[in-house]
Structures are given as C-alpha cells and as structure tokens.
Protein backbone atom coordinates (compact mmCIF):
# COMPACT_ATOMS: atom_id res chain seq x y z
CA MET A 1 -30.67 -5.59 7.81
CA ARG A 2 -27.85 -7.92 7.04
CA THR A 3 -29.29 -11.51 5.76
CA PRO A 4 -27.61 -14.43 7.97
CA SER A 5 -25.80 -15.24 4.33
CA GLU A 6 -23.90 -12.07 4.16
CA PRO A 7 -20.85 -11.90 5.92
CA PHE A 8 -19.94 -8.49 8.14
CA GLY A 9 -18.62 -6.00 5.70
CA ALA A 10 -19.51 -7.61 2.40
CA ALA A 11 -19.72 -4.96 -0.27
CA GLY A 12 -23.50 -3.66 -0.56
CA THR A 13 -24.25 -4.51 3.04
CA PRO A 14 -24.17 -1.52 5.96
CA GLY A 15 -21.14 -2.59 7.84
CA ALA A 16 -19.45 -2.58 4.09
CA ALA A 17 -17.84 1.31 4.74
CA ARG A 18 -16.94 0.38 8.43
CA ALA A 19 -15.01 -2.90 7.34
CA GLY A 20 -13.11 -0.84 4.85
CA HIS A 21 -12.01 1.31 7.06
CA LEU A 22 -10.74 -1.01 9.71
CA ALA A 23 -8.65 -2.86 6.84
CA MET A 24 -6.89 0.20 5.66
CA LEU A 25 -6.10 1.31 9.39
CA LEU A 26 -4.56 -2.10 9.38
CA PHE A 27 -3.38 -1.64 6.27
CA SER A 28 -1.52 1.69 7.13
CA ALA A 29 0.07 0.13 10.04
CA LEU A 30 1.50 -2.86 8.41
CA VAL A 31 2.56 -0.95 5.56
CA ALA A 32 4.73 1.63 8.23
CA GLY A 33 6.25 -1.20 9.58
CA SER A 34 8.09 -2.30 6.21
CA PHE A 35 9.71 1.24 5.86
CA SER A 36 12.03 0.90 8.93
CA LEU A 37 13.22 -2.61 8.03
CA GLY A 38 13.26 -1.94 4.33
CA GLY A 39 15.30 1.09 4.79
CA GLN A 40 18.14 -1.02 6.54
CA VAL A 41 18.37 -3.47 3.75
CA ALA A 42 17.91 -1.32 0.34
CA ALA A 43 21.82 -1.08 -0.29
CA GLU A 44 22.39 -5.05 0.36
CA ILE A 45 20.15 -6.12 -2.28
CA ALA A 46 18.65 -5.21 -5.68
CA PRO A 47 15.03 -3.86 -5.78
CA THR A 48 13.92 -6.17 -8.04
CA ALA A 49 15.56 -9.32 -6.51
CA LEU A 50 14.17 -8.43 -3.15
CA ASN A 51 10.64 -7.65 -4.31
CA ALA A 52 10.28 -10.54 -6.85
CA VAL A 53 11.12 -13.15 -3.56
CA ARG A 54 9.12 -11.26 -1.64
CA PHE A 55 5.53 -11.39 -3.69
CA ALA A 56 6.72 -15.28 -5.00
CA ILE A 57 6.69 -15.97 -0.83
CA ALA A 58 3.47 -13.77 -0.79
CA ALA A 59 1.73 -15.56 -3.80
CA VAL A 60 2.47 -18.83 -1.72
CA ILE A 61 0.78 -17.99 1.23
CA MET A 62 -1.99 -16.40 -0.15
CA GLY A 63 -2.25 -19.62 -2.32
CA ALA A 64 -2.31 -21.59 0.73
CA VAL A 65 -4.97 -19.96 2.21
CA VAL A 66 -7.11 -20.05 -0.73
CA TRP A 67 -6.37 -23.88 -1.25
CA ALA A 68 -7.31 -24.59 2.73
CA ARG A 69 -10.75 -22.84 2.13
CA GLY A 70 -11.86 -25.78 0.06
CA ARG A 71 -13.39 -26.71 -3.44
CA VAL A 72 -15.72 -23.50 -3.47
CA MET A 73 -12.75 -21.38 -3.57
CA ARG A 74 -10.27 -22.98 -5.59
CA GLY A 75 -13.38 -23.53 -8.19
CA ALA A 76 -13.68 -19.47 -7.97
CA VAL A 77 -10.25 -19.15 -8.70
CA ARG A 78 -10.84 -21.43 -11.85
CA ALA A 79 -13.75 -19.04 -13.01
CA ALA A 80 -11.89 -16.11 -12.19
CA LEU A 81 -8.95 -16.46 -14.45
CA VAL A 82 -11.34 -16.12 -17.44
CA ALA A 83 -9.84 -13.01 -17.91
CA PRO A 84 -6.24 -12.99 -16.98
CA TRP A 85 -5.15 -10.07 -18.35
CA ARG A 86 -6.95 -8.15 -15.57
CA TYR A 87 -4.57 -9.28 -12.92
CA LEU A 88 -1.55 -8.64 -15.24
CA ILE A 89 -2.74 -5.10 -15.44
CA LEU A 90 -2.54 -4.88 -11.12
CA GLY A 91 0.35 -6.99 -10.82
CA GLY A 92 2.00 -5.04 -13.17
CA LEU A 93 0.74 -1.40 -11.55
CA PHE A 94 1.95 -3.18 -8.16
CA ALA A 95 5.17 -4.20 -9.65
CA ILE A 96 6.15 -0.76 -10.97
CA TYR A 97 5.22 0.80 -7.67
CA PHE A 98 7.45 -1.23 -5.24
CA VAL A 99 10.22 -1.90 -7.69
CA LEU A 100 10.76 2.53 -8.02
CA MET A 101 10.29 2.79 -4.56
CA PHE A 102 13.41 0.84 -3.46
CA GLU A 103 14.85 2.33 -6.39
CA GLY A 104 14.19 5.66 -5.71
CA LEU A 105 15.07 5.47 -2.04
CA LYS A 106 18.96 4.78 -3.70
CA THR A 107 19.20 7.96 -3.91
CA ALA A 108 16.36 10.15 -2.59
CA PRO A 109 16.51 10.94 1.47
CA PRO A 110 13.58 9.22 3.09
CA VAL A 111 11.89 12.36 4.42
CA SER A 112 11.66 13.50 0.74
CA ALA A 113 10.52 10.35 -0.88
CA ALA A 114 7.52 10.31 2.58
CA ALA A 115 6.75 13.79 1.34
CA VAL A 116 6.11 12.64 -2.02
CA PHE A 117 4.20 9.07 -1.02
CA THR A 118 1.52 11.89 0.37
CA LEU A 119 0.56 12.91 -3.03
CA THR A 120 -0.75 9.77 -3.80
CA PRO A 121 -4.29 10.30 -1.95
CA LEU A 122 -4.64 12.99 -3.95
CA MET A 123 -4.11 11.01 -7.22
CA SER A 124 -6.07 8.41 -6.32
CA ALA A 125 -9.32 10.77 -6.03
CA LEU A 126 -8.24 11.76 -9.43
CA PHE A 127 -8.23 8.34 -11.27
CA GLY A 128 -11.22 7.53 -9.10
CA TRP A 129 -13.22 9.97 -10.65
CA LEU A 130 -11.48 9.54 -14.31
CA LEU A 131 -12.22 5.69 -14.24
CA LEU A 132 -15.18 5.34 -12.13
CA ARG A 133 -16.68 8.99 -12.05
CA GLN A 134 -16.43 8.80 -8.07
CA VAL A 135 -17.18 12.34 -7.42
CA MET A 136 -15.19 14.34 -4.51
CA ASN A 137 -17.15 16.37 -2.39
CA GLY A 138 -16.24 19.44 -0.73
CA ARG A 139 -15.80 17.29 2.68
CA ILE A 140 -13.81 14.77 1.13
CA ALA A 141 -11.56 17.79 -0.62
CA ALA A 142 -11.01 19.55 2.76
CA ALA A 143 -10.23 16.36 4.70
CA LEU A 144 -7.64 15.43 2.32
CA ALA A 145 -6.32 18.90 2.15
CA ILE A 146 -5.82 18.52 6.37
CA GLY A 147 -4.59 15.45 5.98
CA GLY A 148 -2.06 16.11 3.88
CA VAL A 149 -1.04 19.02 5.78
CA GLY A 150 -0.92 16.51 9.03
CA ALA A 151 1.29 14.38 7.12
CA GLY A 152 3.70 16.96 6.14
CA TRP A 153 3.70 18.30 9.16
CA VAL A 154 4.77 15.04 10.89
CA ILE A 155 7.44 13.75 7.89
CA PHE A 156 9.36 17.38 8.51
CA ARG A 157 9.12 16.83 12.14
CA ALA A 158 7.28 20.48 12.31
CA ASP A 159 10.58 22.13 11.35
CA TRP A 160 10.02 24.75 8.55
CA GLN A 161 13.70 25.28 7.28
CA ALA A 162 13.19 21.16 6.67
CA PHE A 163 10.55 21.76 4.49
CA VAL A 164 12.04 25.10 2.64
CA ALA A 165 15.03 22.95 1.80
CA PHE A 166 13.32 20.45 0.35
CA GLU A 167 14.67 19.29 -3.23
CA VAL A 168 12.74 17.13 -5.98
CA GLY A 169 15.91 14.86 -7.41
CA ARG A 170 16.34 11.92 -9.73
CA GLY A 171 15.04 9.74 -6.66
CA GLU A 172 12.10 11.81 -5.81
CA ALA A 173 11.43 12.11 -9.53
CA ILE A 174 11.64 8.13 -10.11
CA TYR A 175 9.34 7.35 -6.88
CA PHE A 176 6.72 9.67 -7.78
CA VAL A 177 6.37 7.80 -10.72
CA GLY A 178 5.98 4.81 -8.62
CA CYS A 179 3.28 6.56 -6.87
CA VAL A 180 1.34 7.38 -9.67
CA ALA A 181 0.94 3.52 -10.32
CA HIS A 182 0.14 3.04 -7.19
CA ALA A 183 -2.94 5.72 -6.98
CA ILE A 184 -4.27 3.91 -10.45
CA TYR A 185 -4.08 0.55 -8.82
CA THR A 186 -7.15 1.28 -6.21
CA PRO A 187 -9.63 2.27 -8.20
CA MET A 188 -8.25 -0.25 -10.95
CA VAL A 189 -9.37 -3.04 -8.40
CA ARG A 190 -12.80 -2.00 -8.74
CA ARG A 191 -13.13 -1.40 -12.48
CA LEU A 192 -11.46 -4.79 -13.15
CA ASN A 193 -13.23 -6.86 -10.55
CA ARG A 194 -16.56 -8.80 -11.86
CA GLY A 195 -17.58 -10.46 -8.94
CA GLU A 196 -14.45 -12.55 -7.61
CA PRO A 197 -13.61 -12.90 -4.03
CA VAL A 198 -11.24 -10.57 -2.44
CA LEU A 199 -9.38 -13.25 -1.53
CA VAL A 200 -8.82 -15.09 -4.88
CA PHE A 201 -8.73 -11.76 -6.92
CA ALA A 202 -5.15 -10.76 -3.90
CA PHE A 203 -3.78 -14.02 -4.64
CA LEU A 204 -4.44 -13.78 -8.71
CA THR A 205 -2.56 -10.05 -8.18
CA LEU A 206 0.08 -11.58 -5.81
CA VAL A 207 1.30 -14.20 -8.54
CA ALA A 208 1.20 -11.84 -11.51
CA CYS A 209 3.11 -9.19 -9.76
CA ALA A 210 5.51 -11.85 -8.59
CA GLY A 211 6.08 -12.79 -12.69
CA CYS A 212 5.97 -9.46 -13.64
CA ILE A 213 8.81 -8.38 -11.27
CA ALA A 214 10.73 -11.65 -11.86
CA VAL A 215 11.43 -10.94 -15.50
CA TRP A 216 11.62 -7.52 -15.03
CA GLY A 217 14.44 -8.17 -12.46
CA VAL A 218 15.98 -12.18 -13.99
CA GLY A 219 19.44 -10.50 -14.23
CA ASP A 220 19.31 -9.04 -10.36
CA LEU A 221 18.21 -12.50 -9.12
CA ALA A 222 20.66 -14.61 -10.99
CA ALA A 223 23.31 -11.81 -9.91
CA THR A 224 22.63 -11.98 -6.09
CA ASP A 225 24.53 -14.34 -3.84
CA TRP A 226 21.93 -15.48 -1.58
CA GLY A 227 23.89 -17.50 0.92
CA ALA A 228 25.42 -14.47 1.62
CA LEU A 229 22.62 -12.27 2.77
CA ARG A 230 22.85 -11.22 6.39
CA PRO A 231 20.07 -12.75 8.32
CA MET A 232 18.89 -9.18 8.68
CA VAL A 233 17.66 -8.92 4.93
CA TRP A 234 15.69 -12.11 5.52
CA VAL A 235 13.79 -10.96 8.56
CA ALA A 236 13.05 -7.77 6.06
CA ILE A 237 11.91 -10.20 3.28
CA GLY A 238 9.71 -11.75 5.63
CA TYR A 239 8.03 -8.99 6.89
CA VAL A 240 7.25 -7.44 3.77
CA ALA A 241 6.19 -10.43 2.08
CA ILE A 242 4.03 -11.55 4.75
CA PHE A 243 2.60 -8.38 6.07
CA ALA A 244 3.40 -5.95 4.06
CA SER A 245 2.81 -7.54 0.61
CA ALA A 246 -0.02 -11.04 1.33
CA ALA A 247 -1.60 -9.26 4.32
CA THR A 248 -1.70 -5.68 2.35
CA VAL A 249 -3.11 -6.41 -1.50
CA PHE A 250 -5.54 -8.79 0.78
CA LEU A 251 -6.65 -5.48 2.73
CA ILE A 252 -6.59 -2.69 -0.45
CA GLN A 253 -8.55 -4.68 -2.61
CA PHE A 254 -10.91 -5.45 0.61
CA ALA A 255 -11.26 -1.86 1.17
CA SER A 256 -11.39 -0.77 -2.71
CA MET A 257 -14.49 -2.92 -3.19
CA ARG A 258 -16.20 -0.91 -0.25
CA LEU A 259 -14.96 2.62 -0.01
CA PRO A 260 -14.33 5.16 -2.80
CA SER A 261 -10.65 5.33 -3.94
CA SER A 262 -9.47 8.90 -2.34
CA LYS A 263 -10.91 7.08 0.85
CA VAL A 264 -8.36 4.34 0.12
CA MET A 265 -5.68 5.67 -0.15
CA ALA A 266 -6.42 8.67 2.76
CA TYR A 267 -5.14 6.65 4.98
CA THR A 268 -1.05 7.02 3.70
CA TYR A 269 -1.42 10.23 5.58
CA LEU A 270 -1.54 7.99 8.74
CA THR A 271 1.95 6.17 7.91
CA PRO A 272 4.12 9.15 9.02
CA SER A 273 2.34 8.88 12.75
CA TRP A 274 2.84 4.74 12.26
CA VAL A 275 6.24 5.06 12.04
CA ILE A 276 6.53 7.10 14.84
CA LEU A 277 5.14 4.56 17.16
CA TRP A 278 7.35 1.95 15.48
CA GLU A 279 10.24 4.04 16.39
CA ILE A 280 8.53 4.25 19.84
CA ALA A 281 8.27 0.46 20.19
CA LEU A 282 12.01 0.37 19.22
CA GLY A 283 13.26 2.24 22.02
CA GLN A 284 13.82 5.66 19.76
CA PRO A 285 12.60 9.30 21.77
CA VAL A 286 8.65 10.12 21.97
CA PRO A 287 8.52 13.32 19.40
CA GLY A 288 7.86 16.83 20.50
CA GLY A 289 4.37 18.22 21.02
CA LEU A 290 4.67 20.34 17.93
CA ILE A 291 4.59 16.85 15.71
CA LEU A 292 2.00 15.51 17.75
CA GLY A 293 -0.10 18.48 16.49
CA GLY A 294 0.65 17.43 13.21
CA ILE A 295 -0.45 13.51 14.12
CA GLY A 296 -4.08 15.24 15.36
CA LEU A 297 -4.70 16.90 11.96
CA THR A 298 -4.41 13.01 10.15
CA VAL A 299 -6.59 12.31 12.70
CA LEU A 300 -9.17 14.75 12.26
CA ALA A 301 -8.82 14.36 8.60
CA LEU A 302 -9.99 10.61 9.08
CA GLY A 303 -12.76 11.88 11.34
CA LEU A 304 -14.13 13.62 8.11
CA LEU A 305 -13.89 10.89 5.66
CA LEU A 306 -15.19 8.48 8.44
CA LYS A 307 -18.47 10.76 8.51
CA GLU A 308 -20.72 9.80 5.89
C-alpha cells in the first residue's frame, strides 16, 4: 500500500504505471494540436527561429513553476546541476527532432511525414533494449504492430491507393533522422536521471534545448522580422511553447520514469486519431466508417499495452 509520503504515481508505487499512461494520453492529445497550428505557419518563419523562441518561453514557464514550488525545489535544481552534460544530451536530442520536423515539412507532404512518425515507437523499443535492456515480449510487439497498422490506416484515410503512392523523398528522410533522435530521447531520460524530481529534470532539459537551438539558429533569429509576423504565428508559437513544449516535456519525462520506452512511445499511434478530433472540433467533416476502424485498432493496441 502507498504510504502517505508517496505521491500518487511516484515511480515504484502501485499507481505508477497508470499515472504514466494517463500522462501519455494527454501528451498525444496536446501534440496533435500542434500539427494543425504548426502547419499553418511553417512557411512564415524559419524552423530554428520558431523553436528557439518556443523553447525559451517554455523554459521560462517551467522555471516559474519550479521557483513557485519553494526552497526545496530550488535546492533540487542546484543539486541537479552536478552533471549538466546530461541536459545537453537530452536537450540536443529534442532540438534535433523539432528542428528537423519543421525542416522536413517544408518539402514532405503531411501524410508522408505522419507515416514516418509512426516508426518512432518501434525504434524507441529498440533503443530501450540497447540502452536499458528493456525486453519487449510478444504481447507488446503485437500491440505495437496493431497500433502501427491502425495509425497507418488513419493517416492514409483507409485509401489503399494513397498508401501505394507513398514515396520517400528528401523531406521524409530529414524527418526520419529527427524521429530517430526522438526515439533515443525516451530511454535516455531514465538512463540519465539520478533521482531528480521530474519537474526539475524537465526544466533543465528545456533550458538546454532552447540553448542548443539558439546556437544552431542564431542567424535565423537575427534575420526574422518579428514585428511583421501575423497574429496567427504568435498564436502557434504560444500553443507549442506552453502545451506542446513545457507540458509535453514534463509529461514524457514523467511517463518515461514509470513505463518502458516501447509503451511510452506507443502513444504516438494515437496522434492521427487526436488530429481527426481536433479537425471535427474546428468544424471539419466527420471521417468515414473505414477510418474509424483504424482508430479502433489503435485503441485495441493501447488496451494490450495497458494489460500488465
């Protein structure tokens, strides 16, 4: 039984796995929202400039939360700086993923890019074994396979011709490299964490990520006419900074300390389904029954993963 001093969902407690799954469910919903907004402004601002500002804002928000938690949490930040190279690794991996995602979307059709993204859970399971020796049993492998089929079904709108027409171009190849970085990130969180609170670990990772992207895109930052950006660009930056950066970095680190890497990244299969829900909420037509069948497969896959 959980003792009074143990917060619900703390790693190693009975509620840890459930808390991790709930965190990733919210993660997948928030990430889905960033696809629609990001796609509308990708051509109006350089990827490095957008992401540098995005993660700087996210780091400030997370830092304010840490500061508000009091002296104990601020002391935890100082203690966590014993090995700062860890945050450079994690922040660098995150920077690679997000910058290459926007870079790839310059030429890759969204459908093709989304198809590449569904490879992340399998790659994460591989890196989870290499870095942490996390073994993937037959049930998890089956769940990942079913989830992959379901996600592909949704992505290609249950259209076999659309699947056959899929071609890997330069944009898809660039984005694939970013997805590899994302897949490595998940097991590395558990590998590099030395008992620091998730909030502190996420804050320092965001700081490192913002710094890496700022150095990477210093030229783009200087060349961007910030005053000429239309309001929609700032709305997109605000959303991805708060909900798709600060919140999701915390959620994925929270879940990575409680779930195997394959289970954490399996929630990316839900992203296409969440995107459809976002579209419906924005007034777009409801998808056909065949597409809903793909959503059913992703839910089945998650059901298998939830089974201990």
